[in-house]
Amino acid sequence: MADSTFDIVSKVDKMEADNAVNQARKEIEQRYDFKGVGASVEWSGEKILLKASSEERVKAVLDVVQSKFIKRGISLKSLDSGEPYPSGKEFRIEVGLKNGIDQEHAKKIGKIIRDEAPKTVKSQIQGDELRVSSKSRDDLQETIRLLKAADLDVDLQFTNFR
């Protein structure tokens, strides 16, 4: 009998992220407390650029964006927001989207699987994702529960369960 497998990935749905940014932009244009402060949200290449006239206002814009991401089902662990920095007469924050699992986190996840998962479960790093295999599907489901309970800095999705 062949081994059962699944993949651990960390990907952000680009369309959902785009919808969240558009909803945040609409809310910022409508809200009274953002009138006259030059608040805006827009895509700048692969990053989201937040602008406002003061540091407090740009942090409030970031809060609106984060709430829209949560509503769209995107974890805040997928956002990589920087610190506010002055640019001319305005303050800006660049927010990046984390896609893929870097080597450091992949090794940490592999160590959790080796140490705490059932002994039949094996994992291997394949680029920016992990492939987990075992003869027992129940052991794989137990591993998924274990990883969901673990407090990691990356948003994990479990795909290709076979």
N, C-alpha and C. Protein backbone atom coordinates (compact mmCIF):
# COMPACT_ATOMS: atom_id res chain seq x y z
N MET A 1 0.83 -1.18 0.00
CA MET A 1 0.00 0.00 0.00
C MET A 1 0.89 1.25 0.00
N ALA A 2 0.52 2.23 -0.83
CA ALA A 2 1.31 3.45 -0.94
C ALA A 2 1.08 4.35 0.28
N ASP A 3 2.08 5.19 0.54
CA ASP A 3 1.96 6.13 1.65
C ASP A 3 0.91 7.20 1.34
N SER A 4 0.24 7.67 2.38
CA SER A 4 -0.64 8.82 2.26
C SER A 4 0.21 10.07 2.50
N THR A 5 -0.12 11.16 1.81
CA THR A 5 0.68 12.38 1.94
C THR A 5 -0.22 13.61 1.99
N PHE A 6 0.37 14.70 2.46
CA PHE A 6 -0.22 16.02 2.29
C PHE A 6 0.91 17.04 2.25
N ASP A 7 0.61 18.23 1.73
CA ASP A 7 1.59 19.30 1.63
C ASP A 7 1.24 20.40 2.62
N ILE A 8 2.27 20.98 3.23
CA ILE A 8 2.09 22.15 4.08
C ILE A 8 2.60 23.35 3.29
N VAL A 9 1.72 24.32 3.03
CA VAL A 9 2.08 25.49 2.26
C VAL A 9 1.67 26.74 3.03
N SER A 10 2.17 27.88 2.58
CA SER A 10 1.77 29.17 3.14
C SER A 10 1.59 30.11 1.96
N LYS A 11 0.36 30.25 1.51
CA LYS A 11 0.08 31.08 0.35
C LYS A 11 -1.09 32.01 0.66
N VAL A 12 -1.04 33.19 0.07
CA VAL A 12 -2.12 34.16 0.19
C VAL A 12 -2.84 34.22 -1.15
N ASP A 13 -4.17 34.09 -1.11
CA ASP A 13 -4.97 34.20 -2.33
C ASP A 13 -4.93 35.66 -2.80
N LYS A 14 -4.32 35.89 -3.95
CA LYS A 14 -4.12 37.26 -4.47
C LYS A 14 -5.45 37.98 -4.68
N MET A 15 -6.47 37.28 -5.14
CA MET A 15 -7.77 37.93 -5.36
C MET A 15 -8.41 38.35 -4.05
N GLU A 16 -8.32 37.52 -3.02
CA GLU A 16 -8.88 37.88 -1.71
C GLU A 16 -8.13 39.08 -1.13
N ALA A 17 -6.80 39.10 -1.30
CA ALA A 17 -6.01 40.23 -0.81
C ALA A 17 -6.41 41.51 -1.56
N ASP A 18 -6.61 41.40 -2.87
CA ASP A 18 -7.02 42.55 -3.67
C ASP A 18 -8.39 43.05 -3.22
N ASN A 19 -9.32 42.11 -2.95
CA ASN A 19 -10.65 42.50 -2.47
C ASN A 19 -10.54 43.21 -1.12
N ALA A 20 -9.69 42.72 -0.22
CA ALA A 20 -9.52 43.34 1.09
C ALA A 20 -8.97 44.76 0.95
N VAL A 21 -8.00 44.96 0.05
CA VAL A 21 -7.44 46.29 -0.17
C VAL A 21 -8.50 47.23 -0.74
N ASN A 22 -9.30 46.74 -1.69
CA ASN A 22 -10.35 47.58 -2.26
C ASN A 22 -11.39 47.96 -1.22
N GLN A 23 -11.78 47.02 -0.36
CA GLN A 23 -12.75 47.33 0.69
C GLN A 23 -12.17 48.35 1.67
N ALA A 24 -10.89 48.22 2.01
CA ALA A 24 -10.25 49.17 2.92
C ALA A 24 -10.21 50.56 2.29
N ARG A 25 -9.89 50.62 0.98
CA ARG A 25 -9.84 51.91 0.29
C ARG A 25 -11.21 52.59 0.33
N LYS A 26 -12.27 51.82 0.07
CA LYS A 26 -13.63 52.38 0.09
C LYS A 26 -13.99 52.89 1.48
N GLU A 27 -13.66 52.12 2.51
CA GLU A 27 -13.99 52.55 3.87
C GLU A 27 -13.22 53.82 4.24
N ILE A 28 -11.96 53.92 3.85
CA ILE A 28 -11.15 55.09 4.18
C ILE A 28 -11.68 56.33 3.46
N GLU A 29 -12.15 56.15 2.22
CA GLU A 29 -12.72 57.28 1.49
C GLU A 29 -14.02 57.77 2.13
N GLN A 30 -14.78 56.87 2.77
CA GLN A 30 -16.07 57.21 3.35
C GLN A 30 -15.99 57.78 4.76
N ARG A 31 -15.02 57.30 5.54
CA ARG A 31 -15.01 57.62 6.97
C ARG A 31 -14.65 59.08 7.24
N TYR A 32 -15.39 59.67 8.18
CA TYR A 32 -15.22 61.08 8.51
C TYR A 32 -13.85 61.36 9.12
N ASP A 33 -13.36 60.46 9.97
CA ASP A 33 -12.08 60.72 10.65
C ASP A 33 -10.88 60.67 9.70
N PHE A 34 -11.07 60.20 8.47
CA PHE A 34 -9.98 60.19 7.49
C PHE A 34 -10.09 61.32 6.48
N LYS A 35 -11.09 62.20 6.61
CA LYS A 35 -11.24 63.32 5.68
C LYS A 35 -10.13 64.34 5.90
N GLY A 36 -9.48 64.75 4.83
CA GLY A 36 -8.49 65.81 4.91
C GLY A 36 -7.13 65.42 5.48
N VAL A 37 -6.87 64.12 5.66
CA VAL A 37 -5.57 63.72 6.17
C VAL A 37 -4.73 62.99 5.11
N GLY A 38 -5.24 62.97 3.90
CA GLY A 38 -4.49 62.35 2.81
C GLY A 38 -4.31 60.86 2.96
N ALA A 39 -5.28 60.19 3.61
CA ALA A 39 -5.17 58.75 3.85
C ALA A 39 -5.48 57.99 2.55
N SER A 40 -4.65 57.01 2.24
CA SER A 40 -4.90 56.19 1.05
C SER A 40 -4.28 54.80 1.22
N VAL A 41 -4.84 53.85 0.46
CA VAL A 41 -4.36 52.48 0.42
C VAL A 41 -4.26 52.10 -1.05
N GLU A 42 -3.12 51.58 -1.48
CA GLU A 42 -2.98 51.19 -2.88
C GLU A 42 -1.89 50.13 -3.02
N TRP A 43 -1.97 49.38 -4.13
CA TRP A 43 -0.94 48.40 -4.45
C TRP A 43 0.25 49.15 -5.03
N SER A 44 1.44 48.76 -4.60
CA SER A 44 2.67 49.31 -5.17
C SER A 44 3.54 48.11 -5.52
N GLY A 45 3.35 47.58 -6.70
CA GLY A 45 4.02 46.34 -7.08
C GLY A 45 3.43 45.18 -6.30
N GLU A 46 4.27 44.46 -5.56
CA GLU A 46 3.81 43.33 -4.75
C GLU A 46 3.46 43.74 -3.33
N LYS A 47 3.68 45.01 -2.98
CA LYS A 47 3.42 45.49 -1.63
C LYS A 47 2.18 46.39 -1.63
N ILE A 48 1.61 46.57 -0.44
CA ILE A 48 0.49 47.48 -0.25
C ILE A 48 1.06 48.72 0.41
N LEU A 49 0.80 49.88 -0.16
CA LEU A 49 1.34 51.13 0.34
C LEU A 49 0.24 51.91 1.05
N LEU A 50 0.46 52.23 2.33
CA LEU A 50 -0.49 53.00 3.13
C LEU A 50 0.11 54.39 3.34
N LYS A 51 -0.72 55.44 3.16
CA LYS A 51 -0.24 56.81 3.32
C LYS A 51 -1.23 57.59 4.18
N ALA A 52 -0.70 58.53 4.96
CA ALA A 52 -1.52 59.48 5.71
C ALA A 52 -0.62 60.63 6.17
N SER A 53 -1.25 61.70 6.68
CA SER A 53 -0.49 62.91 7.02
C SER A 53 0.25 62.80 8.34
N SER A 54 -0.16 61.89 9.24
CA SER A 54 0.55 61.75 10.52
C SER A 54 0.77 60.28 10.82
N GLU A 55 1.65 60.01 11.77
CA GLU A 55 1.98 58.64 12.14
C GLU A 55 0.76 57.92 12.73
N GLU A 56 -0.02 58.64 13.55
CA GLU A 56 -1.22 58.02 14.15
C GLU A 56 -2.24 57.66 13.09
N ARG A 57 -2.44 58.54 12.12
CA ARG A 57 -3.43 58.30 11.05
C ARG A 57 -3.02 57.09 10.20
N VAL A 58 -1.74 56.98 9.87
CA VAL A 58 -1.30 55.86 9.03
C VAL A 58 -1.42 54.54 9.80
N LYS A 59 -1.24 54.58 11.12
CA LYS A 59 -1.46 53.38 11.93
C LYS A 59 -2.95 53.01 11.95
N ALA A 60 -3.82 54.02 11.96
CA ALA A 60 -5.26 53.77 11.89
C ALA A 60 -5.65 53.16 10.54
N VAL A 61 -4.99 53.62 9.47
CA VAL A 61 -5.22 53.04 8.14
C VAL A 61 -4.80 51.57 8.14
N LEU A 62 -3.65 51.27 8.77
CA LEU A 62 -3.18 49.89 8.87
C LEU A 62 -4.20 49.03 9.62
N ASP A 63 -4.79 49.58 10.68
CA ASP A 63 -5.80 48.87 11.45
C ASP A 63 -7.01 48.53 10.58
N VAL A 64 -7.44 49.47 9.74
CA VAL A 64 -8.57 49.22 8.83
C VAL A 64 -8.22 48.11 7.84
N VAL A 65 -7.01 48.17 7.28
CA VAL A 65 -6.57 47.15 6.32
C VAL A 65 -6.54 45.77 6.98
N GLN A 66 -5.98 45.70 8.20
CA GLN A 66 -5.92 44.42 8.91
C GLN A 66 -7.32 43.87 9.17
N SER A 67 -8.26 44.72 9.54
CA SER A 67 -9.63 44.24 9.80
C SER A 67 -10.27 43.69 8.52
N LYS A 68 -9.99 44.31 7.39
CA LYS A 68 -10.54 43.82 6.12
C LYS A 68 -9.91 42.48 5.74
N PHE A 69 -8.62 42.30 6.01
CA PHE A 69 -7.97 41.01 5.74
C PHE A 69 -8.58 39.91 6.59
N ILE A 70 -8.86 40.21 7.86
CA ILE A 70 -9.48 39.21 8.74
C ILE A 70 -10.85 38.84 8.21
N LYS A 71 -11.64 39.84 7.78
CA LYS A 71 -12.98 39.56 7.25
C LYS A 71 -12.92 38.70 6.00
N ARG A 72 -11.87 38.83 5.19
CA ARG A 72 -11.73 38.06 3.96
C ARG A 72 -11.11 36.68 4.22
N GLY A 73 -10.81 36.38 5.50
CA GLY A 73 -10.29 35.05 5.83
C GLY A 73 -8.80 34.90 5.62
N ILE A 74 -8.07 36.01 5.60
CA ILE A 74 -6.61 35.95 5.44
C ILE A 74 -5.98 36.24 6.80
N SER A 75 -5.12 35.34 7.24
CA SER A 75 -4.49 35.49 8.55
C SER A 75 -3.53 36.68 8.56
N LEU A 76 -3.46 37.36 9.71
CA LEU A 76 -2.53 38.48 9.85
C LEU A 76 -1.08 38.01 9.88
N LYS A 77 -0.86 36.70 10.09
CA LYS A 77 0.50 36.15 10.02
C LYS A 77 1.05 36.25 8.60
N SER A 78 0.15 36.39 7.61
CA SER A 78 0.57 36.49 6.22
C SER A 78 1.00 37.90 5.85
N LEU A 79 0.73 38.86 6.73
CA LEU A 79 1.10 40.25 6.45
C LEU A 79 2.45 40.57 7.08
N ASP A 80 3.26 41.27 6.34
CA ASP A 80 4.57 41.69 6.83
C ASP A 80 4.60 43.22 6.79
N SER A 81 4.08 43.85 7.85
CA SER A 81 3.98 45.31 7.85
C SER A 81 5.19 45.92 8.52
N GLY A 82 5.72 46.95 7.87
CA GLY A 82 6.88 47.65 8.40
C GLY A 82 6.46 48.74 9.37
N GLU A 83 7.43 49.53 9.79
CA GLU A 83 7.18 50.65 10.69
C GLU A 83 6.84 51.89 9.86
N PRO A 84 6.04 52.81 10.43
CA PRO A 84 5.76 54.06 9.71
C PRO A 84 7.05 54.86 9.50
N TYR A 85 7.20 55.40 8.30
CA TYR A 85 8.37 56.24 8.03
C TYR A 85 7.91 57.51 7.29
N PRO A 86 8.56 58.65 7.60
CA PRO A 86 8.17 59.89 6.93
C PRO A 86 8.66 59.92 5.49
N SER A 87 7.83 60.48 4.62
CA SER A 87 8.21 60.65 3.22
C SER A 87 7.62 61.98 2.77
N GLY A 88 8.46 63.00 2.75
CA GLY A 88 7.96 64.34 2.43
C GLY A 88 7.05 64.83 3.55
N LYS A 89 5.82 65.19 3.21
CA LYS A 89 4.88 65.70 4.20
C LYS A 89 3.95 64.62 4.73
N GLU A 90 4.18 63.37 4.37
CA GLU A 90 3.28 62.29 4.79
C GLU A 90 4.07 61.15 5.42
N PHE A 91 3.32 60.28 6.09
CA PHE A 91 3.91 59.07 6.66
C PHE A 91 3.41 57.88 5.83
N ARG A 92 4.27 56.88 5.69
CA ARG A 92 3.93 55.70 4.90
C ARG A 92 4.25 54.43 5.67
N ILE A 93 3.50 53.37 5.34
CA ILE A 93 3.80 52.02 5.81
C ILE A 93 3.71 51.11 4.60
N GLU A 94 4.71 50.27 4.41
CA GLU A 94 4.66 49.26 3.35
C GLU A 94 4.30 47.93 3.98
N VAL A 95 3.31 47.26 3.40
CA VAL A 95 2.85 45.96 3.89
C VAL A 95 3.09 44.94 2.80
N GLY A 96 3.90 43.92 3.10
CA GLY A 96 4.17 42.85 2.15
C GLY A 96 3.34 41.63 2.49
N LEU A 97 3.15 40.77 1.51
CA LEU A 97 2.43 39.51 1.72
C LEU A 97 3.45 38.38 1.73
N LYS A 98 3.38 37.55 2.77
CA LYS A 98 4.32 36.42 2.87
C LYS A 98 3.75 35.23 2.10
N ASN A 99 4.49 34.77 1.13
CA ASN A 99 4.12 33.57 0.38
C ASN A 99 5.25 32.57 0.49
N GLY A 100 4.92 31.33 0.79
CA GLY A 100 5.93 30.30 0.93
C GLY A 100 6.46 30.22 2.35
N ILE A 101 7.05 29.09 2.66
CA ILE A 101 7.63 28.86 3.98
C ILE A 101 9.15 28.95 3.81
N ASP A 102 9.78 29.88 4.53
CA ASP A 102 11.23 30.00 4.41
C ASP A 102 11.92 28.83 5.11
N GLN A 103 13.22 28.68 4.85
CA GLN A 103 13.98 27.53 5.36
C GLN A 103 13.94 27.43 6.88
N GLU A 104 14.06 28.58 7.55
CA GLU A 104 14.08 28.58 9.01
C GLU A 104 12.77 28.01 9.58
N HIS A 105 11.63 28.47 9.06
CA HIS A 105 10.34 27.97 9.55
C HIS A 105 10.11 26.52 9.12
N ALA A 106 10.58 26.17 7.92
CA ALA A 106 10.41 24.79 7.45
C ALA A 106 11.17 23.83 8.37
N LYS A 107 12.36 24.22 8.79
CA LYS A 107 13.14 23.36 9.71
C LYS A 107 12.44 23.26 11.06
N LYS A 108 11.87 24.38 11.53
CA LYS A 108 11.16 24.39 12.81
C LYS A 108 9.93 23.46 12.75
N ILE A 109 9.19 23.52 11.64
CA ILE A 109 8.02 22.65 11.47
C ILE A 109 8.46 21.19 11.40
N GLY A 110 9.54 20.92 10.65
CA GLY A 110 10.07 19.55 10.56
C GLY A 110 10.48 19.02 11.92
N LYS A 111 11.07 19.88 12.76
CA LYS A 111 11.47 19.46 14.11
C LYS A 111 10.24 19.13 14.96
N ILE A 112 9.19 19.94 14.86
CA ILE A 112 7.95 19.66 15.60
C ILE A 112 7.39 18.31 15.17
N ILE A 113 7.39 18.04 13.87
CA ILE A 113 6.87 16.77 13.36
C ILE A 113 7.71 15.60 13.88
N ARG A 114 9.05 15.75 13.83
CA ARG A 114 9.93 14.67 14.32
C ARG A 114 9.73 14.41 15.81
N ASP A 115 9.63 15.50 16.60
CA ASP A 115 9.59 15.36 18.05
C ASP A 115 8.23 14.95 18.60
N GLU A 116 7.15 15.51 18.05
CA GLU A 116 5.84 15.36 18.68
C GLU A 116 4.82 14.55 17.89
N ALA A 117 5.00 14.42 16.59
CA ALA A 117 4.03 13.69 15.77
C ALA A 117 4.24 12.18 15.95
N PRO A 118 3.25 11.37 15.56
CA PRO A 118 3.45 9.91 15.60
C PRO A 118 4.70 9.50 14.82
N LYS A 119 5.34 8.42 15.27
CA LYS A 119 6.64 8.02 14.73
C LYS A 119 6.60 7.60 13.25
N THR A 120 5.43 7.22 12.73
CA THR A 120 5.36 6.79 11.34
C THR A 120 5.38 7.97 10.37
N VAL A 121 5.24 9.19 10.88
CA VAL A 121 5.13 10.37 10.02
C VAL A 121 6.52 10.90 9.66
N LYS A 122 6.74 11.14 8.37
CA LYS A 122 8.01 11.68 7.87
C LYS A 122 7.72 12.98 7.11
N SER A 123 8.65 13.93 7.19
CA SER A 123 8.48 15.17 6.44
C SER A 123 9.74 15.47 5.65
N GLN A 124 9.56 16.17 4.53
CA GLN A 124 10.70 16.60 3.75
C GLN A 124 10.41 17.97 3.16
N ILE A 125 11.44 18.80 3.13
CA ILE A 125 11.30 20.17 2.61
C ILE A 125 11.43 20.12 1.09
N GLN A 126 10.46 20.73 0.40
CA GLN A 126 10.50 20.81 -1.06
C GLN A 126 10.32 22.27 -1.47
N GLY A 127 11.42 22.97 -1.60
CA GLY A 127 11.35 24.39 -1.96
C GLY A 127 10.73 25.20 -0.83
N ASP A 128 9.58 25.83 -1.11
CA ASP A 128 8.95 26.66 -0.10
C ASP A 128 7.72 25.97 0.51
N GLU A 129 7.70 24.63 0.46
CA GLU A 129 6.63 23.88 1.11
C GLU A 129 7.20 22.59 1.70
N LEU A 130 6.38 21.91 2.50
CA LEU A 130 6.79 20.65 3.11
C LEU A 130 5.85 19.54 2.65
N ARG A 131 6.40 18.37 2.38
CA ARG A 131 5.59 17.19 2.06
C ARG A 131 5.68 16.28 3.27
N VAL A 132 4.52 15.88 3.78
CA VAL A 132 4.45 15.01 4.95
C VAL A 132 3.82 13.70 4.50
N SER A 133 4.44 12.58 4.89
CA SER A 133 3.92 11.28 4.45
C SER A 133 3.89 10.29 5.62
N SER A 134 2.99 9.32 5.49
CA SER A 134 2.86 8.26 6.49
C SER A 134 1.99 7.16 5.89
N LYS A 135 2.10 5.95 6.43
CA LYS A 135 1.23 4.86 5.98
C LYS A 135 -0.19 5.03 6.52
N SER A 136 -0.32 5.70 7.67
CA SER A 136 -1.61 5.85 8.33
C SER A 136 -2.19 7.25 8.11
N ARG A 137 -3.41 7.31 7.55
CA ARG A 137 -4.08 8.60 7.36
C ARG A 137 -4.43 9.24 8.71
N ASP A 138 -4.72 8.40 9.71
CA ASP A 138 -5.04 8.92 11.04
C ASP A 138 -3.84 9.65 11.64
N ASP A 139 -2.63 9.12 11.43
CA ASP A 139 -1.43 9.78 11.91
C ASP A 139 -1.24 11.14 11.23
N LEU A 140 -1.58 11.21 9.94
CA LEU A 140 -1.46 12.48 9.22
C LEU A 140 -2.46 13.50 9.77
N GLN A 141 -3.67 13.05 10.06
CA GLN A 141 -4.66 13.97 10.61
C GLN A 141 -4.24 14.44 12.01
N GLU A 142 -3.63 13.55 12.77
CA GLU A 142 -3.11 13.93 14.09
C GLU A 142 -2.01 14.97 13.94
N THR A 143 -1.16 14.82 12.90
CA THR A 143 -0.09 15.78 12.64
C THR A 143 -0.67 17.15 12.27
N ILE A 144 -1.73 17.17 11.47
CA ILE A 144 -2.38 18.44 11.11
C ILE A 144 -2.91 19.13 12.37
N ARG A 145 -3.56 18.36 13.25
CA ARG A 145 -4.07 18.93 14.50
C ARG A 145 -2.92 19.50 15.34
N LEU A 146 -1.82 18.77 15.39
CA LEU A 146 -0.65 19.21 16.16
C LEU A 146 -0.10 20.53 15.62
N LEU A 147 0.01 20.65 14.29
CA LEU A 147 0.57 21.86 13.69
C LEU A 147 -0.39 23.05 13.81
N LYS A 148 -1.69 22.79 13.76
CA LYS A 148 -2.66 23.88 13.95
C LYS A 148 -2.58 24.43 15.36
N ALA A 149 -2.30 23.56 16.33
CA ALA A 149 -2.22 23.98 17.73
C ALA A 149 -0.89 24.68 18.03
N ALA A 150 0.15 24.39 17.25
CA ALA A 150 1.47 24.99 17.48
C ALA A 150 1.42 26.48 17.18
N ASP A 151 2.14 27.27 17.96
CA ASP A 151 2.17 28.71 17.77
C ASP A 151 3.34 29.07 16.87
N LEU A 152 3.08 29.14 15.56
CA LEU A 152 4.12 29.44 14.58
C LEU A 152 3.90 30.83 14.00
N ASP A 153 4.95 31.43 13.44
CA ASP A 153 4.87 32.77 12.88
C ASP A 153 4.38 32.78 11.43
N VAL A 154 4.02 31.63 10.89
CA VAL A 154 3.54 31.58 9.51
C VAL A 154 2.13 31.01 9.49
N ASP A 155 1.36 31.45 8.49
CA ASP A 155 0.01 30.94 8.30
C ASP A 155 0.11 29.67 7.45
N LEU A 156 -0.34 28.55 7.97
CA LEU A 156 -0.19 27.27 7.27
C LEU A 156 -1.51 26.83 6.66
N GLN A 157 -1.42 26.28 5.44
CA GLN A 157 -2.54 25.60 4.81
C GLN A 157 -2.10 24.18 4.50
N PHE A 158 -3.04 23.27 4.54
CA PHE A 158 -2.75 21.85 4.30
C PHE A 158 -3.47 21.44 3.02
N THR A 159 -2.69 21.06 2.00
CA THR A 159 -3.26 20.78 0.68
C THR A 159 -2.85 19.38 0.21
N ASN A 160 -3.49 18.92 -0.86
CA ASN A 160 -3.18 17.65 -1.53
C ASN A 160 -3.21 16.46 -0.58
N PHE A 161 -4.20 16.39 0.29
CA PHE A 161 -4.30 15.27 1.21
C PHE A 161 -4.72 14.05 0.40
N ARG A 162 -3.83 13.06 0.29
CA ARG A 162 -4.12 11.85 -0.49
C ARG A 162 -3.90 10.64 0.38
